[in-house]
Amino acid sequence: MGLRAADRPGVTTATGDAVQIDKSQLLDLLRSQGNHDQAAQADNELPDTVDTEQHAGILSGLGIDPSSLGGLGGGLGGLLGKII
């Protein structure tokens, strides 16, 4: 059974289906996939704590499905297939 968002370091739940994630985790994920330009863009456009509802447009623009962040079973590694 995967960890709930609230049980993962750097990932906290918010109201509704929104999840808050440390920007550094998203940057690390993008860089690990070779998406250095997207990581630089995310670093400039996103706050230190990313809210999946509030920042859905920016995340989508970076090729990340914001809805996939709320149901992560194994941390951000589960996002590898969610980056376009």
N, C-alpha and C. Protein backbone atom coordinates (compact mmCIF):
# COMPACT_ATOMS: atom_id res chain seq x y z
N MET A 1 0.84 -1.17 0.00
CA MET A 1 0.00 0.00 0.00
C MET A 1 0.88 1.23 0.00
N GLY A 2 0.59 2.19 -0.88
CA GLY A 2 1.38 3.40 -0.98
C GLY A 2 1.10 4.35 0.17
N LEU A 3 1.99 5.27 0.33
CA LEU A 3 1.82 6.29 1.36
C LEU A 3 0.85 7.35 0.89
N ARG A 4 0.07 7.85 1.82
CA ARG A 4 -0.79 8.98 1.50
C ARG A 4 0.10 10.20 1.33
N ALA A 5 -0.40 11.20 0.62
CA ALA A 5 0.37 12.41 0.39
C ALA A 5 0.87 13.00 1.70
N ALA A 6 0.05 12.97 2.74
CA ALA A 6 0.43 13.56 4.02
C ALA A 6 1.55 12.78 4.70
N ASP A 7 1.78 11.52 4.29
CA ASP A 7 2.80 10.68 4.91
C ASP A 7 4.15 10.75 4.19
N ARG A 8 4.23 11.48 3.09
CA ARG A 8 5.46 11.55 2.32
C ARG A 8 6.18 12.86 2.61
N PRO A 9 7.50 12.80 2.79
CA PRO A 9 8.25 14.03 3.01
C PRO A 9 8.08 14.97 1.82
N GLY A 10 7.85 16.24 2.11
CA GLY A 10 7.74 17.24 1.06
C GLY A 10 6.38 17.29 0.38
N VAL A 11 5.46 16.41 0.78
CA VAL A 11 4.14 16.39 0.18
C VAL A 11 3.13 16.49 1.30
N THR A 12 2.30 17.51 1.28
CA THR A 12 1.27 17.67 2.29
C THR A 12 -0.07 17.84 1.60
N THR A 13 -1.10 17.44 2.29
CA THR A 13 -2.43 17.59 1.72
C THR A 13 -2.95 18.98 1.99
N ALA A 14 -3.85 19.41 1.18
CA ALA A 14 -4.52 20.69 1.36
C ALA A 14 -6.01 20.42 1.28
N THR A 15 -6.80 21.44 1.14
CA THR A 15 -8.23 21.23 1.06
C THR A 15 -8.60 20.62 -0.29
N GLY A 16 -9.69 19.88 -0.32
CA GLY A 16 -10.14 19.27 -1.56
C GLY A 16 -9.14 18.25 -2.06
N ASP A 17 -8.94 18.23 -3.37
CA ASP A 17 -8.01 17.30 -3.98
C ASP A 17 -6.63 17.90 -4.17
N ALA A 18 -6.43 19.11 -3.74
CA ALA A 18 -5.15 19.77 -3.93
C ALA A 18 -4.08 19.13 -3.06
N VAL A 19 -2.87 19.15 -3.56
CA VAL A 19 -1.70 18.66 -2.83
C VAL A 19 -0.66 19.75 -2.89
N GLN A 20 0.09 19.89 -1.81
CA GLN A 20 1.19 20.84 -1.79
C GLN A 20 2.50 20.06 -1.79
N ILE A 21 3.41 20.47 -2.67
CA ILE A 21 4.67 19.75 -2.89
C ILE A 21 5.81 20.75 -2.89
N ASP A 22 6.93 20.36 -2.32
CA ASP A 22 8.12 21.21 -2.38
C ASP A 22 8.57 21.36 -3.83
N LYS A 23 8.80 22.59 -4.23
CA LYS A 23 9.23 22.85 -5.60
C LYS A 23 10.51 22.09 -5.93
N SER A 24 11.40 21.94 -4.96
CA SER A 24 12.67 21.26 -5.22
C SER A 24 12.47 19.83 -5.70
N GLN A 25 11.41 19.17 -5.22
CA GLN A 25 11.14 17.80 -5.67
C GLN A 25 10.72 17.79 -7.14
N LEU A 26 9.91 18.74 -7.54
CA LEU A 26 9.51 18.82 -8.94
C LEU A 26 10.71 19.15 -9.83
N LEU A 27 11.56 20.06 -9.35
CA LEU A 27 12.75 20.42 -10.13
C LEU A 27 13.66 19.21 -10.29
N ASP A 28 13.87 18.46 -9.22
CA ASP A 28 14.70 17.26 -9.29
C ASP A 28 14.13 16.25 -10.28
N LEU A 29 12.81 16.09 -10.26
CA LEU A 29 12.16 15.15 -11.18
C LEU A 29 12.36 15.58 -12.62
N LEU A 30 12.11 16.86 -12.91
CA LEU A 30 12.28 17.36 -14.27
C LEU A 30 13.73 17.19 -14.73
N ARG A 31 14.67 17.53 -13.89
CA ARG A 31 16.09 17.41 -14.25
C ARG A 31 16.49 15.96 -14.47
N SER A 32 15.95 15.07 -13.65
CA SER A 32 16.31 13.65 -13.78
C SER A 32 15.83 13.07 -15.11
N GLN A 33 14.82 13.72 -15.70
CA GLN A 33 14.30 13.29 -17.00
C GLN A 33 14.94 14.05 -18.15
N GLY A 34 15.94 14.87 -17.83
CA GLY A 34 16.62 15.63 -18.87
C GLY A 34 15.87 16.88 -19.30
N ASN A 35 14.87 17.27 -18.55
CA ASN A 35 14.05 18.44 -18.87
C ASN A 35 14.59 19.68 -18.17
N HIS A 36 15.81 20.05 -18.49
CA HIS A 36 16.48 21.15 -17.80
C HIS A 36 15.83 22.50 -18.11
N ASP A 37 15.37 22.69 -19.33
CA ASP A 37 14.69 23.95 -19.66
C ASP A 37 13.38 24.08 -18.89
N GLN A 38 12.64 22.98 -18.79
CA GLN A 38 11.39 23.00 -18.02
C GLN A 38 11.67 23.23 -16.54
N ALA A 39 12.75 22.63 -16.04
CA ALA A 39 13.12 22.83 -14.63
C ALA A 39 13.46 24.29 -14.37
N ALA A 40 14.19 24.92 -15.29
CA ALA A 40 14.53 26.34 -15.13
C ALA A 40 13.27 27.18 -15.17
N GLN A 41 12.34 26.85 -16.06
CA GLN A 41 11.07 27.58 -16.15
C GLN A 41 10.27 27.40 -14.85
N ALA A 42 10.20 26.18 -14.35
CA ALA A 42 9.47 25.90 -13.12
C ALA A 42 10.10 26.65 -11.95
N ASP A 43 11.42 26.70 -11.92
CA ASP A 43 12.11 27.39 -10.84
C ASP A 43 11.77 28.87 -10.83
N ASN A 44 11.61 29.45 -12.02
CA ASN A 44 11.27 30.88 -12.13
C ASN A 44 9.80 31.16 -11.85
N GLU A 45 8.91 30.24 -12.20
CA GLU A 45 7.48 30.51 -12.17
C GLU A 45 6.75 29.99 -10.93
N LEU A 46 7.29 28.98 -10.28
CA LEU A 46 6.59 28.37 -9.16
C LEU A 46 7.14 28.85 -7.81
N PRO A 47 6.28 28.94 -6.80
CA PRO A 47 6.76 29.28 -5.46
C PRO A 47 7.44 28.06 -4.82
N ASP A 48 8.02 28.24 -3.66
CA ASP A 48 8.72 27.14 -2.98
C ASP A 48 7.79 25.97 -2.65
N THR A 49 6.54 26.28 -2.36
CA THR A 49 5.54 25.24 -2.12
C THR A 49 4.53 25.32 -3.25
N VAL A 50 4.40 24.23 -3.99
CA VAL A 50 3.52 24.19 -5.16
C VAL A 50 2.19 23.57 -4.76
N ASP A 51 1.12 24.28 -5.04
CA ASP A 51 -0.24 23.80 -4.80
C ASP A 51 -0.80 23.32 -6.14
N THR A 52 -1.22 22.06 -6.19
CA THR A 52 -1.63 21.48 -7.47
C THR A 52 -2.87 22.14 -8.06
N GLU A 53 -3.74 22.70 -7.24
CA GLU A 53 -4.91 23.40 -7.78
C GLU A 53 -4.54 24.82 -8.20
N GLN A 54 -3.89 25.52 -7.32
CA GLN A 54 -3.55 26.92 -7.59
C GLN A 54 -2.59 27.07 -8.76
N HIS A 55 -1.68 26.12 -8.92
CA HIS A 55 -0.63 26.21 -9.94
C HIS A 55 -0.84 25.21 -11.07
N ALA A 56 -2.06 24.74 -11.24
CA ALA A 56 -2.37 23.72 -12.26
C ALA A 56 -1.98 24.18 -13.66
N GLY A 57 -2.21 25.43 -13.98
CA GLY A 57 -1.88 25.94 -15.32
C GLY A 57 -0.40 25.90 -15.60
N ILE A 58 0.40 26.29 -14.62
CA ILE A 58 1.85 26.27 -14.79
C ILE A 58 2.33 24.83 -14.91
N LEU A 59 1.83 23.95 -14.04
CA LEU A 59 2.23 22.54 -14.09
C LEU A 59 1.89 21.92 -15.45
N SER A 60 0.69 22.20 -15.93
CA SER A 60 0.29 21.67 -17.24
C SER A 60 1.20 22.19 -18.34
N GLY A 61 1.56 23.45 -18.25
CA GLY A 61 2.47 24.04 -19.23
C GLY A 61 3.84 23.41 -19.21
N LEU A 62 4.20 22.82 -18.08
CA LEU A 62 5.49 22.14 -17.94
C LEU A 62 5.39 20.66 -18.34
N GLY A 63 4.19 20.23 -18.71
CA GLY A 63 4.01 18.83 -19.12
C GLY A 63 3.74 17.90 -17.96
N ILE A 64 3.35 18.45 -16.80
CA ILE A 64 3.03 17.63 -15.63
C ILE A 64 1.52 17.66 -15.44
N ASP A 65 0.91 16.50 -15.32
CA ASP A 65 -0.52 16.40 -15.07
C ASP A 65 -0.76 16.68 -13.59
N PRO A 66 -1.31 17.84 -13.24
CA PRO A 66 -1.50 18.19 -11.84
C PRO A 66 -2.34 17.18 -11.07
N SER A 67 -3.30 16.55 -11.73
CA SER A 67 -4.15 15.58 -11.03
C SER A 67 -3.38 14.33 -10.64
N SER A 68 -2.27 14.05 -11.29
CA SER A 68 -1.49 12.86 -10.96
C SER A 68 -0.71 13.03 -9.66
N LEU A 69 -0.52 14.24 -9.22
CA LEU A 69 0.27 14.49 -8.01
C LEU A 69 -0.47 14.11 -6.74
N GLY A 70 -1.78 14.12 -6.76
CA GLY A 70 -2.55 13.83 -5.56
C GLY A 70 -2.61 12.36 -5.21
N GLY A 71 -2.46 11.48 -6.18
CA GLY A 71 -2.61 10.05 -5.93
C GLY A 71 -1.32 9.28 -6.04
N LEU A 72 -0.22 9.92 -5.72
CA LEU A 72 1.06 9.23 -5.84
C LEU A 72 1.15 8.07 -4.86
N GLY A 73 1.54 6.91 -5.37
CA GLY A 73 1.67 5.76 -4.49
C GLY A 73 3.07 5.60 -3.95
N GLY A 74 4.07 6.03 -4.68
CA GLY A 74 5.43 5.82 -4.24
C GLY A 74 6.26 7.07 -4.34
N GLY A 75 5.72 8.19 -4.01
CA GLY A 75 6.45 9.44 -4.08
C GLY A 75 6.46 9.97 -5.50
N LEU A 76 7.29 10.95 -5.75
CA LEU A 76 7.31 11.59 -7.07
C LEU A 76 7.82 10.68 -8.16
N GLY A 77 8.43 9.56 -7.82
CA GLY A 77 8.87 8.62 -8.84
C GLY A 77 7.72 8.13 -9.68
N GLY A 78 6.52 8.12 -9.13
CA GLY A 78 5.34 7.71 -9.87
C GLY A 78 4.97 8.68 -10.97
N LEU A 79 5.58 9.84 -10.98
CA LEU A 79 5.28 10.85 -12.00
C LEU A 79 6.06 10.64 -13.28
N LEU A 80 7.01 9.75 -13.30
CA LEU A 80 7.88 9.60 -14.46
C LEU A 80 7.09 9.41 -15.74
N GLY A 81 6.00 8.70 -15.67
CA GLY A 81 5.19 8.49 -16.86
C GLY A 81 4.20 9.62 -17.12
N LYS A 82 4.14 10.59 -16.23
CA LYS A 82 3.17 11.66 -16.34
C LYS A 82 3.75 12.91 -16.99
N ILE A 83 5.05 12.91 -17.24
CA ILE A 83 5.68 14.05 -17.87
C ILE A 83 5.66 13.84 -19.37
N ILE A 84 5.14 14.79 -20.07
CA ILE A 84 5.00 14.70 -21.53
C ILE A 84 6.31 15.06 -22.19
